[in-house]
Each structure stands twice: as structure tokens, then as C-alpha cells.
């Protein structure tokens, strides 16, 4: 199952730059044994990020399978988790409201088989996004890297379906193209390092058949929970999908 816990925060001082601190808040409020399990995993079954919506600060915590939901979101949705502090108690934050959204992965598959794909998909990168290749950061959207990231994240959190396949990945690369973009370079602060990244939006055109369009839609909708690229568990790579545009 996929789940998102949205926490409405009563503090306007914090933004995505505090996201790595927020990961620490999660670890402090879940079982220490499960926290250790998470530290040992190469790809985490959760993501989290902070965004501003109409002046409201929203902390989103996403889990990508049932085990992560039981051990993270169910612990944090407890009414006793009503406030927290970051930066060595210097910043105190009150949680004003909690909202829970859940979706079974079977719903994504049902949509894949039953609903027509679209020719265009718009993707917003809501928090700094970056990829790493051959030891270097890649700070411009790349169909291959976006698709590979989402396919691996899906496979890593599913016991039933292996989404990663090099032939399928190559088909996506050949049949999809970025036709428009509105991006800005930025960075994501992590301890004493600033990770090169980008934010903004792109329009993706599907030149392949309907199956390809449905498949990329499935990956992108999953990506709204998983995030894309590196460091999604500390606040990077949060995306939002706009399925259709009138671009031609």
C-alpha cells in the first residue's frame, strides 16, 4: 500500500532546507529497531518533504509498503505526536492538523489496464531534485534517469512485481521526450554540503503507443509517493503529476 501523512505545521520559519532535520524527527519517534533496519537499506521504503501551499507549511511523509506504513505513519499519526523541535531545540514546531491519504498499489494497476493513457504529462519538481551518475551530480531532467529511479523504487518496495527491466527502460527512453521545461538550478543543504539540484516543471510528450503512456503514468503516480532521484528520504525529489495539457 501507498500512504501519505500530511502534517500542517504552525511555524513559518522552516522550509525544505530543514528536511534533513525532519528525517531525524521521524527516527526519534519510531521504534529504534525499525529505525536501524531503515539505516541498513540502500533504498528506503519511505520519502518525506516540506512544501508551502498558499502560505501554509505542510510536512508530507510517504510510505511505500505496508510494513513502512505500520512502523512510520501509524506511529506518527498517534495523537501524542503533536509537536517537535529541531536544531538542538532552537526551533519548536506545533502540529496543527494531520491528514492521511492511502492508496493500494492495485489501484495503480487497475488504472493501468482500464484507463487510456495521455499524450502529455506535466511534472512539477516541488523540492530540489538531483541524480548521480559516474560519481557526478546530474542537475537537468533526464527521461532515462527519471524512469530508472522510479522503476527501482517500485521494485524495491514490492514483493509481487519487478518493474525494473532494461528493455522496458530503453523503450521509455525512445518513446518519451521532454518538450517544455521551466527550471531553475538550486541546491539542497545537507550538513556542511550543498548538493547541486534543480526545481521547476517539465512537459513530457509520449510518442509511443498507449501501453507506454499507461506505464509512464503508473510510474509517475507512484513517484508522487516515492519521490525521484537521490536523497528522497531527507526531502529531495518530491514530484507532482499533472496528467494532461493542451500542448501540441
C-alpha atoms as a PDB file:
ATOM      1  CA  UNK A   1       0.000   0.000   0.000  1.00  0.00           C
ATOM      2  CA  UNK A   2       0.941   3.642  -0.501  1.00  0.00           C
ATOM      3  CA  UNK A   3       0.232   6.232   2.158  1.00  0.00           C
ATOM      4  CA  UNK A   4       0.830   9.922   2.790  1.00  0.00           C
ATOM      5  CA  UNK A   5       0.606  11.679   6.132  1.00  0.00           C
ATOM      6  CA  UNK A   6       0.303  15.437   5.720  1.00  0.00           C
ATOM      7  CA  UNK A   7       1.196  17.413   8.824  1.00  0.00           C
ATOM      8  CA  UNK A   8       0.096  21.069   8.868  1.00  0.00           C
ATOM      9  CA  UNK A   9       2.755  22.902  10.855  1.00  0.00           C
ATOM     10  CA  UNK A  10       2.333  26.018  12.959  1.00  0.00           C
ATOM     11  CA  UNK A  11       5.706  27.503  12.048  1.00  0.00           C
ATOM     12  CA  UNK A  12       6.530  29.685   9.047  1.00  0.00           C
ATOM     13  CA  UNK A  13      10.279  29.708   9.698  1.00  0.00           C
ATOM     14  CA  UNK A  14      11.043  26.240   8.416  1.00  0.00           C
ATOM     15  CA  UNK A  15      11.205  25.202   4.765  1.00  0.00           C
ATOM     16  CA  UNK A  16      12.734  22.426   2.646  1.00  0.00           C
ATOM     17  CA  UNK A  17      16.181  23.386   3.947  1.00  0.00           C
ATOM     18  CA  UNK A  18      15.162  21.824   7.267  1.00  0.00           C
ATOM     19  CA  UNK A  19      14.195  18.498   5.680  1.00  0.00           C
ATOM     20  CA  UNK A  20      17.261  16.580   6.855  1.00  0.00           C
ATOM     21  CA  UNK A  21      16.408  17.671  10.410  1.00  0.00           C
ATOM     22  CA  UNK A  22      12.885  16.366   9.882  1.00  0.00           C
ATOM     23  CA  UNK A  23      14.220  12.933   8.983  1.00  0.00           C
ATOM     24  CA  UNK A  24      15.787  12.940  12.436  1.00  0.00           C
ATOM     25  CA  UNK A  25      12.388  13.722  13.949  1.00  0.00           C
ATOM     26  CA  UNK A  26      10.949  10.646  12.219  1.00  0.00           C
ATOM     27  CA  UNK A  27      13.739   8.421  13.520  1.00  0.00           C
ATOM     28  CA  UNK A  28      13.256   9.740  17.071  1.00  0.00           C
ATOM     29  CA  UNK A  29       9.557   8.879  17.043  1.00  0.00           C
ATOM     30  CA  UNK A  30       9.560   5.350  15.629  1.00  0.00           C
ATOM     31  CA  UNK A  31      10.766   2.066  17.066  1.00  0.00           C
ATOM     32  CA  UNK A  32      14.567   2.031  17.363  1.00  0.00           C
ATOM     33  CA  UNK A  33      14.763  -1.462  15.887  1.00  0.00           C
ATOM     34  CA  UNK A  34      12.906  -0.437  12.756  1.00  0.00           C
ATOM     35  CA  UNK A  35      14.952   2.756  12.529  1.00  0.00           C
ATOM     36  CA  UNK A  36      18.061   0.575  12.432  1.00  0.00           C
ATOM     37  CA  UNK A  37      16.530  -1.545   9.654  1.00  0.00           C
ATOM     38  CA  UNK A  38      15.966   1.627   7.626  1.00  0.00           C
ATOM     39  CA  UNK A  39      19.553   2.773   8.096  1.00  0.00           C
ATOM     40  CA  UNK A  40      20.773  -0.502   6.609  1.00  0.00           C
ATOM     41  CA  UNK A  41      18.685  -0.259   3.422  1.00  0.00           C
ATOM     42  CA  UNK A  42      20.047   1.124   0.163  1.00  0.00           C
ATOM     43  CA  UNK A  43      16.595   2.288  -0.989  1.00  0.00           C
ATOM     44  CA  UNK A  44      14.220   3.382   1.745  1.00  0.00           C
ATOM     45  CA  UNK A  45      10.514   2.423   1.728  1.00  0.00           C
ATOM     46  CA  UNK A  46       9.540   5.984   2.587  1.00  0.00           C
ATOM     47  CA  UNK A  47      10.073   9.573   1.487  1.00  0.00           C
ATOM     48  CA  UNK A  48       9.408  12.906   3.129  1.00  0.00           C
ATOM     49  CA  UNK A  49       9.483  16.556   2.160  1.00  0.00           C
ATOM     50  CA  UNK A  50       8.340  20.018   3.219  1.00  0.00           C
ATOM     51  CA  UNK A  51       6.360  22.372   0.966  1.00  0.00           C
ATOM     52  CA  UNK A  52       4.482  25.661   1.250  1.00  0.00           C
ATOM     53  CA  UNK A  53       0.897  25.723  -0.015  1.00  0.00           C
ATOM     54  CA  UNK A  54      -0.835  29.107  -0.041  1.00  0.00           C
ATOM     55  CA  UNK A  55       1.285  30.234   2.884  1.00  0.00           C
ATOM     56  CA  UNK A  56       0.705  27.006   4.818  1.00  0.00           C
ATOM     57  CA  UNK A  57       3.669  24.831   5.815  1.00  0.00           C
ATOM     58  CA  UNK A  58       2.990  21.166   5.034  1.00  0.00           C
ATOM     59  CA  UNK A  59       5.271  18.283   6.001  1.00  0.00           C
ATOM     60  CA  UNK A  60       4.486  15.214   3.888  1.00  0.00           C
ATOM     61  CA  UNK A  61       5.616  11.750   4.987  1.00  0.00           C
ATOM     62  CA  UNK A  62       5.048   8.944   2.460  1.00  0.00           C
ATOM     63  CA  UNK A  63       5.355   5.198   2.925  1.00  0.00           C
ATOM     64  CA  UNK A  64       5.627   2.739   0.040  1.00  0.00           C
ATOM     65  CA  UNK A  65       4.571  -0.578   1.574  1.00  0.00           C
ATOM     66  CA  UNK A  66       2.501  -1.881   4.464  1.00  0.00           C
ATOM     67  CA  UNK A  67       5.456  -2.524   6.765  1.00  0.00           C
ATOM     68  CA  UNK A  68       6.665   1.061   6.451  1.00  0.00           C
ATOM     69  CA  UNK A  69       3.111   2.329   6.977  1.00  0.00           C
ATOM     70  CA  UNK A  70       2.720   0.302  10.164  1.00  0.00           C
ATOM     71  CA  UNK A  71       6.092   1.375  11.552  1.00  0.00           C
ATOM     72  CA  UNK A  72       6.212   5.018  10.478  1.00  0.00           C
ATOM     73  CA  UNK A  73       2.859   6.635   9.696  1.00  0.00           C
ATOM     74  CA  UNK A  74       0.823   4.725  12.276  1.00  0.00           C
ATOM     75  CA  UNK A  75       3.328   5.782  14.926  1.00  0.00           C
ATOM     76  CA  UNK A  76       3.321   9.434  13.852  1.00  0.00           C
ATOM     77  CA  UNK A  77      -0.437   9.734  13.441  1.00  0.00           C
ATOM     78  CA  UNK A  78      -0.777   8.976  17.144  1.00  0.00           C
ATOM     79  CA  UNK A  79      -2.322  11.987  18.890  1.00  0.00           C
ATOM     80  CA  UNK A  80       0.624  12.166  21.295  1.00  0.00           C
ATOM     81  CA  UNK A  81       2.850  13.318  18.434  1.00  0.00           C
ATOM     82  CA  UNK A  82       1.647  16.922  18.482  1.00  0.00           C
ATOM     83  CA  UNK A  83       4.877  18.919  18.459  1.00  0.00           C
ATOM     84  CA  UNK A  84       8.618  18.561  17.936  1.00  0.00           C
ATOM     85  CA  UNK A  85      11.862  20.537  17.986  1.00  0.00           C
ATOM     86  CA  UNK A  86      14.787  20.778  15.576  1.00  0.00           C
ATOM     87  CA  UNK A  87      18.229  22.391  15.562  1.00  0.00           C
ATOM     88  CA  UNK A  88      19.071  21.380  19.133  1.00  0.00           C
ATOM     89  CA  UNK A  89      15.730  22.586  20.482  1.00  0.00           C
ATOM     90  CA  UNK A  90      16.203  26.049  18.956  1.00  0.00           C
ATOM     91  CA  UNK A  91      13.147  25.729  16.679  1.00  0.00           C
ATOM     92  CA  UNK A  92       9.923  24.451  18.195  1.00  0.00           C
ATOM     93  CA  UNK A  93       7.125  23.334  15.892  1.00  0.00           C
ATOM     94  CA  UNK A  94       3.483  22.606  16.696  1.00  0.00           C
ATOM     95  CA  UNK A  95       1.417  20.256  14.521  1.00  0.00           C
ATOM     96  CA  UNK A  96      -1.941  21.916  13.836  1.00  0.00           C
ATOM     97  CA  UNK A  97      -3.568  19.181  11.769  1.00  0.00           C
ATOM     98  CA  UNK A  98      -2.951  15.689  10.397  1.00  0.00           C
ATOM     99  CA  UNK A  99      -4.342  14.335   7.120  1.00  0.00           C
ATOM    100  CA  UNK A 100      -3.992  10.752   5.933  1.00  0.00           C
ATOM    101  CA  UNK A 101      -4.213   9.624   2.298  1.00  0.00           C
ATOM    102  CA  UNK A 102      -3.889   5.958   1.317  1.00  0.00           C
ATOM    103  CA  UNK A 103      -3.860   4.061  -1.968  1.00  0.00           C
ATOM    104  CA  UNK A 104      -3.412   0.394  -2.767  1.00  0.00           C
ATOM    105  CA  UNK A 105      -0.877  -0.363  -5.488  1.00  0.00           C
ATOM    106  CA  UNK A 106      -3.607  -2.492  -7.060  1.00  0.00           C
ATOM    107  CA  UNK A 107      -5.412   0.790  -7.834  1.00  0.00           C
ATOM    108  CA  UNK A 108      -2.457   1.878  -9.965  1.00  0.00           C
ATOM    109  CA  UNK A 109      -2.535  -1.434 -11.806  1.00  0.00           C
ATOM    110  CA  UNK A 110      -6.312  -1.203 -12.290  1.00  0.00           C
ATOM    111  CA  UNK A 111      -5.891   2.259 -13.804  1.00  0.00           C
ATOM    112  CA  UNK A 112      -3.074   0.925 -15.991  1.00  0.00           C
ATOM    113  CA  UNK A 113      -5.336  -1.742 -17.522  1.00  0.00           C
ATOM    114  CA  UNK A 114      -8.597   0.197 -17.672  1.00  0.00           C
ATOM    115  CA  UNK A 115      -7.842   3.864 -18.426  1.00  0.00           C
ATOM    116  CA  UNK A 116      -6.402   5.307 -21.612  1.00  0.00           C
ATOM    117  CA  UNK A 117      -3.015   6.964 -21.407  1.00  0.00           C
ATOM    118  CA  UNK A 118      -2.427  10.594 -22.363  1.00  0.00           C
ATOM    119  CA  UNK A 119      -0.122  12.154 -24.911  1.00  0.00           C
ATOM    120  CA  UNK A 120       1.364  14.670 -22.477  1.00  0.00           C
ATOM    121  CA  UNK A 121       2.258  14.574 -18.788  1.00  0.00           C
ATOM    122  CA  UNK A 122       3.366  17.572 -16.774  1.00  0.00           C
ATOM    123  CA  UNK A 123       5.635  17.006 -13.792  1.00  0.00           C
ATOM    124  CA  UNK A 124       6.467  19.537 -11.111  1.00  0.00           C
ATOM    125  CA  UNK A 125       9.654  19.047  -9.101  1.00  0.00           C
ATOM    126  CA  UNK A 126       8.484  20.575  -5.831  1.00  0.00           C
ATOM    127  CA  UNK A 127      11.748  20.217  -3.915  1.00  0.00           C
ATOM    128  CA  UNK A 128      15.365  20.228  -5.148  1.00  0.00           C
ATOM    129  CA  UNK A 129      15.940  17.184  -7.353  1.00  0.00           C
ATOM    130  CA  UNK A 130      19.177  15.580  -8.453  1.00  0.00           C
ATOM    131  CA  UNK A 131      20.597  12.333  -9.798  1.00  0.00           C
ATOM    132  CA  UNK A 132      24.055  10.860  -9.606  1.00  0.00           C
ATOM    133  CA  UNK A 133      25.904   9.196 -12.487  1.00  0.00           C
ATOM    134  CA  UNK A 134      29.544   8.131 -12.584  1.00  0.00           C
ATOM    135  CA  UNK A 135      30.180   9.969  -9.344  1.00  0.00           C
ATOM    136  CA  UNK A 136      28.789  13.282 -10.637  1.00  0.00           C
ATOM    137  CA  UNK A 137      25.525  15.072  -9.947  1.00  0.00           C
ATOM    138  CA  UNK A 138      23.094  15.447 -12.859  1.00  0.00           C
ATOM    139  CA  UNK A 139      21.018  18.598 -12.440  1.00  0.00           C
ATOM    140  CA  UNK A 140      18.771  18.501 -15.502  1.00  0.00           C
ATOM    141  CA  UNK A 141      15.749  16.189 -16.016  1.00  0.00           C
ATOM    142  CA  UNK A 142      16.597  13.076 -17.963  1.00  0.00           C
ATOM    143  CA  UNK A 143      13.976  10.544 -19.130  1.00  0.00           C
ATOM    144  CA  UNK A 144      16.285   7.596 -18.576  1.00  0.00           C
ATOM    145  CA  UNK A 145      17.280   8.613 -15.051  1.00  0.00           C
ATOM    146  CA  UNK A 146      13.724   9.518 -14.015  1.00  0.00           C
ATOM    147  CA  UNK A 147      12.363   6.205 -15.321  1.00  0.00           C
ATOM    148  CA  UNK A 148      15.172   4.081 -13.878  1.00  0.00           C
ATOM    149  CA  UNK A 149      14.802   5.724 -10.470  1.00  0.00           C
ATOM    150  CA  UNK A 150      11.055   5.121 -10.313  1.00  0.00           C
ATOM    151  CA  UNK A 151      11.289   1.557 -11.640  1.00  0.00           C
ATOM    152  CA  UNK A 152      13.880   0.646  -9.000  1.00  0.00           C
ATOM    153  CA  UNK A 153      11.980   2.335  -6.166  1.00  0.00           C
ATOM    154  CA  UNK A 154       8.791   0.490  -7.155  1.00  0.00           C
ATOM    155  CA  UNK A 155      10.565  -2.876  -7.373  1.00  0.00           C
ATOM    156  CA  UNK A 156      12.351  -2.333  -4.066  1.00  0.00           C
ATOM    157  CA  UNK A 157       9.073  -1.812  -2.216  1.00  0.00           C
ATOM    158  CA  UNK A 158       7.023  -4.538  -3.891  1.00  0.00           C
ATOM    159  CA  UNK A 159       7.186  -8.237  -3.111  1.00  0.00           C
ATOM    160  CA  UNK A 160       4.959  -9.105  -6.074  1.00  0.00           C
ATOM    161  CA  UNK A 161       6.146  -7.135  -9.087  1.00  0.00           C
ATOM    162  CA  UNK A 162       9.575  -6.463 -10.556  1.00  0.00           C
ATOM    163  CA  UNK A 163       9.253  -3.218 -12.519  1.00  0.00           C
ATOM    164  CA  UNK A 164      12.891  -2.886 -13.481  1.00  0.00           C
ATOM    165  CA  UNK A 165      13.750  -4.182 -16.916  1.00  0.00           C
ATOM    166  CA  UNK A 166      16.429  -2.756 -19.219  1.00  0.00           C
ATOM    167  CA  UNK A 167      14.428  -3.415 -22.394  1.00  0.00           C
ATOM    168  CA  UNK A 168      11.377  -1.624 -20.994  1.00  0.00           C
ATOM    169  CA  UNK A 169      13.571   1.224 -19.803  1.00  0.00           C
ATOM    170  CA  UNK A 170      15.017   1.591 -23.296  1.00  0.00           C
ATOM    171  CA  UNK A 171      11.502   1.695 -24.765  1.00  0.00           C
ATOM    172  CA  UNK A 172      10.570   4.525 -22.399  1.00  0.00           C
ATOM    173  CA  UNK A 173      13.684   6.470 -23.376  1.00  0.00           C
ATOM    174  CA  UNK A 174      12.939   6.040 -27.095  1.00  0.00           C
ATOM    175  CA  UNK A 175       9.232   6.880 -26.822  1.00  0.00           C
ATOM    176  CA  UNK A 176       9.252   9.827 -24.391  1.00  0.00           C
ATOM    177  CA  UNK A 177      10.726  13.279 -24.769  1.00  0.00           C
ATOM    178  CA  UNK A 178      10.838  16.498 -22.769  1.00  0.00           C
ATOM    179  CA  UNK A 179       9.135  19.153 -24.896  1.00  0.00           C
ATOM    180  CA  UNK A 180       8.969  22.071 -22.488  1.00  0.00           C
ATOM    181  CA  UNK A 181      10.600  22.990 -19.230  1.00  0.00           C
ATOM    182  CA  UNK A 182      10.637  25.792 -16.697  1.00  0.00           C
ATOM    183  CA  UNK A 183      13.504  25.051 -14.357  1.00  0.00           C
ATOM    184  CA  UNK A 184      15.973  26.762 -12.100  1.00  0.00           C
ATOM    185  CA  UNK A 185      19.196  25.467 -10.663  1.00  0.00           C
ATOM    186  CA  UNK A 186      19.353  25.335  -6.881  1.00  0.00           C
ATOM    187  CA  UNK A 187      20.995  23.346  -4.123  1.00  0.00           C
ATOM    188  CA  UNK A 188      19.945  21.219  -1.192  1.00  0.00           C
ATOM    189  CA  UNK A 189      21.783  21.753   2.123  1.00  0.00           C
ATOM    190  CA  UNK A 190      22.939  18.591   3.847  1.00  0.00           C
ATOM    191  CA  UNK A 191      25.122  19.072   6.915  1.00  0.00           C
ATOM    192  CA  UNK A 192      28.113  21.016   5.536  1.00  0.00           C
ATOM    193  CA  UNK A 193      27.494  20.158   1.888  1.00  0.00           C
ATOM    194  CA  UNK A 194      25.218  21.791  -0.702  1.00  0.00           C
ATOM    195  CA  UNK A 195      24.005  19.205  -3.212  1.00  0.00           C
ATOM    196  CA  UNK A 196      23.578  20.653  -6.753  1.00  0.00           C
ATOM    197  CA  UNK A 197      19.954  20.257  -7.875  1.00  0.00           C
ATOM    198  CA  UNK A 198      17.053  21.742  -9.813  1.00  0.00           C
ATOM    199  CA  UNK A 199      13.413  22.712  -9.216  1.00  0.00           C
ATOM    200  CA  UNK A 200      10.569  23.570 -11.575  1.00  0.00           C
ATOM    201  CA  UNK A 201       8.436  21.747 -14.112  1.00  0.00           C
ATOM    202  CA  UNK A 202       8.621  19.851 -17.394  1.00  0.00           C
ATOM    203  CA  UNK A 203       6.189  18.664 -20.054  1.00  0.00           C
ATOM    204  CA  UNK A 204       6.763  15.120 -21.260  1.00  0.00           C
ATOM    205  CA  UNK A 205       5.419  14.004 -24.627  1.00  0.00           C
ATOM    206  CA  UNK A 206       4.653  10.324 -25.241  1.00  0.00           C
ATOM    207  CA  UNK A 207       5.466   9.296 -28.797  1.00  0.00           C
ATOM    208  CA  UNK A 208       4.940   5.596 -28.198  1.00  0.00           C
ATOM    209  CA  UNK A 209       1.804   3.502 -28.015  1.00  0.00           C
ATOM    210  CA  UNK A 210      -0.915   3.575 -25.404  1.00  0.00           C
ATOM    211  CA  UNK A 211       0.782   0.907 -23.282  1.00  0.00           C
ATOM    212  CA  UNK A 212       3.899   3.073 -22.956  1.00  0.00           C
ATOM    213  CA  UNK A 213       1.771   6.050 -21.923  1.00  0.00           C
ATOM    214  CA  UNK A 214      -0.055   3.998 -19.303  1.00  0.00           C
ATOM    215  CA  UNK A 215       3.219   2.634 -17.986  1.00  0.00           C
ATOM    216  CA  UNK A 216       4.859   6.038 -17.562  1.00  0.00           C
ATOM    217  CA  UNK A 217       1.678   7.303 -15.881  1.00  0.00           C
ATOM    218  CA  UNK A 218       1.839   4.423 -13.401  1.00  0.00           C
ATOM    219  CA  UNK A 219       5.471   5.224 -12.589  1.00  0.00           C
ATOM    220  CA  UNK A 220       4.825   8.945 -12.182  1.00  0.00           C
ATOM    221  CA  UNK A 221       1.815   8.416  -9.926  1.00  0.00           C
ATOM    222  CA  UNK A 222       3.900   6.083  -7.792  1.00  0.00           C
ATOM    223  CA  UNK A 223       6.579   8.777  -7.844  1.00  0.00           C
ATOM    224  CA  UNK A 224       4.228  11.185  -6.108  1.00  0.00           C
ATOM    225  CA  UNK A 225       4.760   8.958  -3.070  1.00  0.00           C
ATOM    226  CA  UNK A 226       8.319   7.724  -3.623  1.00  0.00           C
ATOM    227  CA  UNK A 227       9.960  10.859  -4.955  1.00  0.00           C
ATOM    228  CA  UNK A 228      12.532  10.630  -7.734  1.00  0.00           C
ATOM    229  CA  UNK A 229      16.315  10.717  -7.785  1.00  0.00           C
ATOM    230  CA  UNK A 230      18.605  10.809  -4.768  1.00  0.00           C
ATOM    231  CA  UNK A 231      18.011  11.634  -1.088  1.00  0.00           C
ATOM    232  CA  UNK A 232      14.197  11.375  -1.196  1.00  0.00           C
ATOM    233  CA  UNK A 233      14.130  10.293   2.458  1.00  0.00           C
ATOM    234  CA  UNK A 234      15.637  13.614   3.511  1.00  0.00           C
ATOM    235  CA  UNK A 235      13.427  15.887   1.417  1.00  0.00           C
ATOM    236  CA  UNK A 236      14.741  15.878  -2.154  1.00  0.00           C
ATOM    237  CA  UNK A 237      12.974  14.817  -5.357  1.00  0.00           C
ATOM    238  CA  UNK A 238       9.331  15.424  -4.420  1.00  0.00           C
ATOM    239  CA  UNK A 239       7.190  15.440  -7.578  1.00  0.00           C
ATOM    240  CA  UNK A 240       3.604  16.186  -8.512  1.00  0.00           C
ATOM    241  CA  UNK A 241       1.952  14.950 -11.716  1.00  0.00           C
ATOM    242  CA  UNK A 242      -0.340  16.872 -13.994  1.00  0.00           C
ATOM    243  CA  UNK A 243      -1.663  14.284 -16.411  1.00  0.00           C
ATOM    244  CA  UNK A 244      -2.826  16.290 -19.381  1.00  0.00           C
ATOM    245  CA  UNK A 245      -2.050  19.601 -21.027  1.00  0.00           C
ATOM    246  CA  UNK A 246      -3.277  21.189 -24.228  1.00  0.00           C
ATOM    247  CA  UNK A 247       0.251  21.471 -25.528  1.00  0.00           C
ATOM    248  CA  UNK A 248       0.588  20.197 -29.087  1.00  0.00           C
END
